[in-house]
Amino acid sequence: MQLKWLGHSCFELAETKKVLIDPYISQNPVAPKVEVVPDIIAVTHGHADHLGDTVDIARKYGCRVVSIHEVSKYLEAMGIQCEKMNKGGTVAIEGVRFTMTEAVHSSSIDGGSAGCPAGFVIEDNISVYHAGDTALFGDMRLIGELYRPEVALLPIGGRYTMGIREAAIAASLIRPRVVIPMHYNTTPAIEQSPEKFSELVSSLCPSEVVILKPGESFELR
């Protein structure tokens, strides 16, 4: 699987299908302005820096969007084809499995409630856990034990999500092969050192930390 980081929490996973997660691209000051052509879009919650360009991309390419029920209802009202789900559930879309997990955060669209925030375990030969926007919580250990993700995408920015200390503990609970930090250095409010995060993770567990720049990719086999 190839994992490309497009800045903030946006990743493109390319294996049998192309899955685009939290496509905050056109308004993201650090995202490379590249053309993305996904088969499926996954949205963790309704905040603008995660819902991002979902509507425009889904309309342009006719791809389905998987998200929590309330976000899906909002998107369906705009003519987008959605796969509704909720935490603890699993859906298979074009052979890719999406399991929705807990996330400790908030969710809104245009100032109105948009259900709950979530994370995803996405399985397409390789299993990837995208934590979404979240604080540290103890049941991350269960996510590791139940789904055994090979890659964990963890926010480290602080202020709106867990910071580097909490995210390093999260890595030690999940124990994936690879950890990739996200949701940092997009704006001054969430400036962090991914190198410091890597040092903390290495002191707690054997997971490899891969630090990407926006637009860079990592391949796992």
Protein backbone atom coordinates (compact mmCIF):
# COMPACT_ATOMS: atom_id res chain seq x y z
CA MET A 1 0.00 0.00 0.00
CA GLN A 2 1.11 3.53 -0.76
CA LEU A 3 0.18 6.17 1.82
CA LYS A 4 0.45 9.78 0.65
CA TRP A 5 0.11 12.62 3.15
CA LEU A 6 -1.53 15.73 1.72
CA GLY A 7 -1.11 17.76 4.89
CA HIS A 8 -3.17 18.12 8.08
CA SER A 9 -5.25 14.89 8.38
CA CYS A 10 -5.63 14.19 4.67
CA PHE A 11 -4.20 10.95 3.35
CA GLU A 12 -4.58 9.03 0.11
CA LEU A 13 -4.31 5.25 0.54
CA ALA A 14 -3.63 3.40 -2.69
CA GLU A 15 -3.87 -0.38 -2.84
CA THR A 16 -6.66 -2.18 -4.73
CA LYS A 17 -8.62 1.09 -4.47
CA LYS A 18 -7.76 4.71 -3.80
CA VAL A 19 -9.21 5.92 -0.52
CA LEU A 20 -9.04 9.63 0.28
CA ILE A 21 -9.42 10.53 3.97
CA ASP A 22 -10.48 13.99 5.23
CA PRO A 23 -9.81 15.88 1.97
CA TYR A 24 -8.91 19.32 3.30
CA ILE A 25 -6.87 20.42 0.28
CA SER A 26 -7.91 23.60 -1.56
CA GLN A 27 -8.07 25.75 1.61
CA ASN A 28 -5.16 24.02 3.35
CA PRO A 29 -2.12 26.33 3.35
CA VAL A 30 0.38 23.45 3.37
CA ALA A 31 -1.34 20.97 1.03
CA PRO A 32 0.19 20.41 -2.39
CA LYS A 33 -2.31 21.47 -5.03
CA VAL A 34 -2.49 18.12 -6.79
CA GLU A 35 -5.29 16.34 -8.60
CA VAL A 36 -6.74 13.50 -6.53
CA VAL A 37 -9.01 10.91 -8.15
CA PRO A 38 -10.33 8.66 -5.36
CA ASP A 39 -12.60 5.65 -5.56
CA ILE A 40 -13.90 6.27 -2.02
CA ILE A 41 -13.78 9.20 0.39
CA ALA A 42 -13.80 8.68 4.18
CA VAL A 43 -14.72 11.60 6.44
CA THR A 44 -14.00 11.43 10.17
CA HIS A 45 -16.19 14.39 11.20
CA GLY A 46 -17.85 17.56 10.01
CA HIS A 47 -15.30 20.27 10.79
CA ALA A 48 -14.24 22.24 7.73
CA ASP A 49 -10.60 21.15 8.02
CA HIS A 50 -11.73 17.54 7.57
CA LEU A 51 -14.88 17.66 5.44
CA GLY A 52 -12.88 20.00 3.24
CA ASP A 53 -13.38 19.41 -0.49
CA THR A 54 -15.51 16.28 -0.09
CA VAL A 55 -18.52 17.67 -1.96
CA ASP A 56 -16.54 18.98 -4.95
CA ILE A 57 -14.43 15.83 -5.32
CA ALA A 58 -17.35 13.42 -4.87
CA ARG A 59 -19.42 15.31 -7.44
CA LYS A 60 -16.58 15.49 -9.93
CA TYR A 61 -15.67 11.80 -9.82
CA GLY A 62 -18.92 10.19 -8.65
CA CYS A 63 -17.23 8.43 -5.75
CA ARG A 64 -19.00 7.31 -2.60
CA VAL A 65 -18.41 8.86 0.80
CA VAL A 66 -18.35 6.86 4.03
CA SER A 67 -19.04 8.80 7.23
CA ILE A 68 -21.09 8.84 10.39
CA HIS A 69 -24.87 8.95 9.85
CA GLU A 70 -25.37 12.69 10.43
CA VAL A 71 -22.55 13.79 8.14
CA SER A 72 -23.88 11.41 5.47
CA LYS A 73 -27.36 12.91 5.76
CA TYR A 74 -25.89 16.37 5.19
CA LEU A 75 -23.96 15.16 2.15
CA GLU A 76 -26.92 13.25 0.71
CA ALA A 77 -28.93 16.48 0.79
CA MET A 78 -26.27 17.88 -1.53
CA GLY A 79 -26.61 14.99 -3.95
CA ILE A 80 -23.63 12.94 -2.77
CA GLN A 81 -23.80 9.14 -2.70
CA CYS A 82 -23.03 8.05 0.86
CA GLU A 83 -22.51 4.96 2.96
CA LYS A 84 -23.89 5.76 6.41
CA MET A 85 -22.47 4.04 9.46
CA ASN A 86 -21.72 4.53 13.13
CA LYS A 87 -19.12 3.64 15.73
CA GLY A 88 -18.44 -0.07 16.12
CA GLY A 89 -19.88 -0.87 12.71
CA THR A 90 -18.09 -2.19 9.63
CA VAL A 91 -19.01 -1.70 5.98
CA ALA A 92 -17.35 -3.09 2.86
CA ILE A 93 -17.17 -0.74 -0.12
CA GLU A 94 -15.70 -2.06 -3.37
CA GLY A 95 -13.80 -4.69 -1.37
CA VAL A 96 -12.36 -2.22 1.17
CA ARG A 97 -13.46 -2.63 4.80
CA PHE A 98 -14.16 0.41 6.97
CA THR A 99 -14.63 -0.02 10.71
CA MET A 100 -15.64 3.13 12.57
CA THR A 101 -13.92 3.70 15.90
CA GLU A 102 -14.22 6.09 18.81
CA ALA A 103 -12.68 9.57 18.74
CA VAL A 104 -12.81 12.07 21.59
CA HIS A 105 -13.46 15.46 20.00
CA SER A 106 -16.47 17.41 18.63
CA SER A 107 -18.20 17.70 15.27
CA SER A 108 -20.19 20.40 13.49
CA ILE A 109 -21.01 21.67 10.01
CA ASP A 110 -21.66 25.38 9.47
CA GLY A 111 -22.16 25.83 13.20
CA GLY A 112 -24.75 23.06 13.55
CA SER A 113 -24.33 19.64 15.14
CA ALA A 114 -22.98 16.92 12.86
CA GLY A 115 -23.16 13.84 15.04
CA CYS A 116 -20.00 12.56 16.68
CA PRO A 117 -16.36 12.51 15.61
CA ALA A 118 -14.87 9.16 14.69
CA GLY A 119 -11.80 7.33 13.51
CA PHE A 120 -11.51 4.51 10.96
CA VAL A 121 -9.71 1.21 10.63
CA ILE A 122 -9.41 0.74 6.87
CA GLU A 123 -8.48 -2.68 5.51
CA ASP A 124 -7.30 -3.11 1.93
CA ASN A 125 -4.67 -5.86 2.21
CA ILE A 126 -2.93 -3.53 4.70
CA SER A 127 -4.79 -2.38 7.82
CA VAL A 128 -4.59 1.36 8.58
CA TYR A 129 -5.97 3.15 11.65
CA HIS A 130 -6.77 6.82 11.05
CA ALA A 131 -7.52 8.21 14.50
CA GLY A 132 -9.28 11.36 13.28
CA ASP A 133 -9.21 14.32 15.65
CA THR A 134 -9.01 12.87 19.14
CA ALA A 135 -7.68 13.05 22.64
CA LEU A 136 -5.86 10.08 24.09
CA PHE A 137 -8.21 7.40 25.44
CA GLY A 138 -7.50 4.03 27.02
CA ASP A 139 -9.56 1.98 24.58
CA MET A 140 -6.97 2.65 21.90
CA ARG A 141 -5.43 -0.48 23.37
CA LEU A 142 -8.57 -2.38 22.30
CA ILE A 143 -8.31 -0.96 18.79
CA GLY A 144 -4.79 -2.38 18.66
CA GLU A 145 -5.84 -5.75 20.06
CA LEU A 146 -9.01 -6.15 17.97
CA TYR A 147 -7.95 -4.84 14.60
CA ARG A 148 -4.15 -5.04 14.76
CA PRO A 149 -3.54 -2.10 12.40
CA GLU A 150 -0.19 -2.18 10.70
CA VAL A 151 -0.16 1.61 10.35
CA ALA A 152 -1.51 4.24 12.76
CA LEU A 153 -2.08 7.82 11.62
CA LEU A 154 -2.09 9.90 14.82
CA PRO A 155 -2.65 13.62 15.43
CA ILE A 156 0.11 15.32 17.41
CA GLY A 157 -0.77 19.02 17.15
CA GLY A 158 -2.10 19.66 20.63
CA ARG A 159 -4.69 22.34 21.39
CA TYR A 160 -7.45 20.71 19.28
CA THR A 161 -6.21 17.12 19.56
CA MET A 162 -3.74 15.17 21.64
CA GLY A 163 -0.18 16.46 21.60
CA ILE A 164 3.06 14.62 21.11
CA ARG A 165 3.26 13.12 24.62
CA GLU A 166 -0.28 11.74 24.48
CA ALA A 167 0.13 10.56 20.88
CA ALA A 168 3.31 8.67 21.83
CA ILE A 169 1.36 6.90 24.57
CA ALA A 170 -1.36 6.16 22.00
CA ALA A 171 1.26 4.51 19.80
CA SER A 172 2.39 2.39 22.74
CA LEU A 173 -1.21 1.24 23.31
CA ILE A 174 -1.87 0.40 19.65
CA ARG A 175 1.61 -0.94 18.77
CA PRO A 176 1.41 -0.81 14.97
CA ARG A 177 4.37 -1.53 12.71
CA VAL A 178 4.42 2.09 11.56
CA VAL A 179 3.19 5.38 13.01
CA ILE A 180 2.76 8.50 10.88
CA PRO A 181 2.08 11.80 12.69
CA MET A 182 -0.57 14.17 11.31
CA HIS A 183 -2.62 17.26 12.19
CA TYR A 184 0.37 19.44 13.01
CA ASN A 185 2.22 22.49 11.57
CA THR A 186 -0.73 23.48 9.38
CA THR A 187 -1.09 26.72 11.37
CA PRO A 188 0.93 28.32 14.18
CA ALA A 189 -1.61 27.10 16.76
CA ILE A 190 -0.61 23.48 16.19
CA GLU A 191 3.14 23.74 15.67
CA GLN A 192 4.93 20.63 16.92
CA SER A 193 8.19 18.75 16.40
CA PRO A 194 7.60 15.37 14.73
CA GLU A 195 11.21 14.48 15.56
CA LYS A 196 10.47 14.85 19.26
CA PHE A 197 7.39 12.68 18.78
CA SER A 198 9.56 10.04 17.12
CA GLU A 199 11.99 10.07 20.05
CA LEU A 200 9.15 9.62 22.55
CA VAL A 201 7.63 6.73 20.60
CA SER A 202 10.99 4.95 20.37
CA SER A 203 11.30 5.17 24.16
CA LEU A 204 7.90 3.51 24.65
CA CYS A 205 7.43 0.87 21.94
CA PRO A 206 9.10 -0.67 18.87
CA SER A 207 6.84 1.02 16.30
CA GLU A 208 8.67 2.80 13.48
CA VAL A 209 7.81 6.49 13.11
CA VAL A 210 7.71 7.74 9.52
CA ILE A 211 7.75 11.52 9.16
CA LEU A 212 6.36 12.80 5.87
CA LYS A 213 6.24 16.24 4.31
CA PRO A 214 2.96 17.23 2.60
CA GLY A 215 2.92 15.50 -0.78
CA GLU A 216 5.33 12.74 0.24
CA SER A 217 4.47 9.05 0.19
CA PHE A 218 5.41 5.92 2.12
CA GLU A 219 4.98 2.39 0.86
CA LEU A 220 4.33 -0.60 3.10
CA ARG A 221 4.31 -4.24 2.00
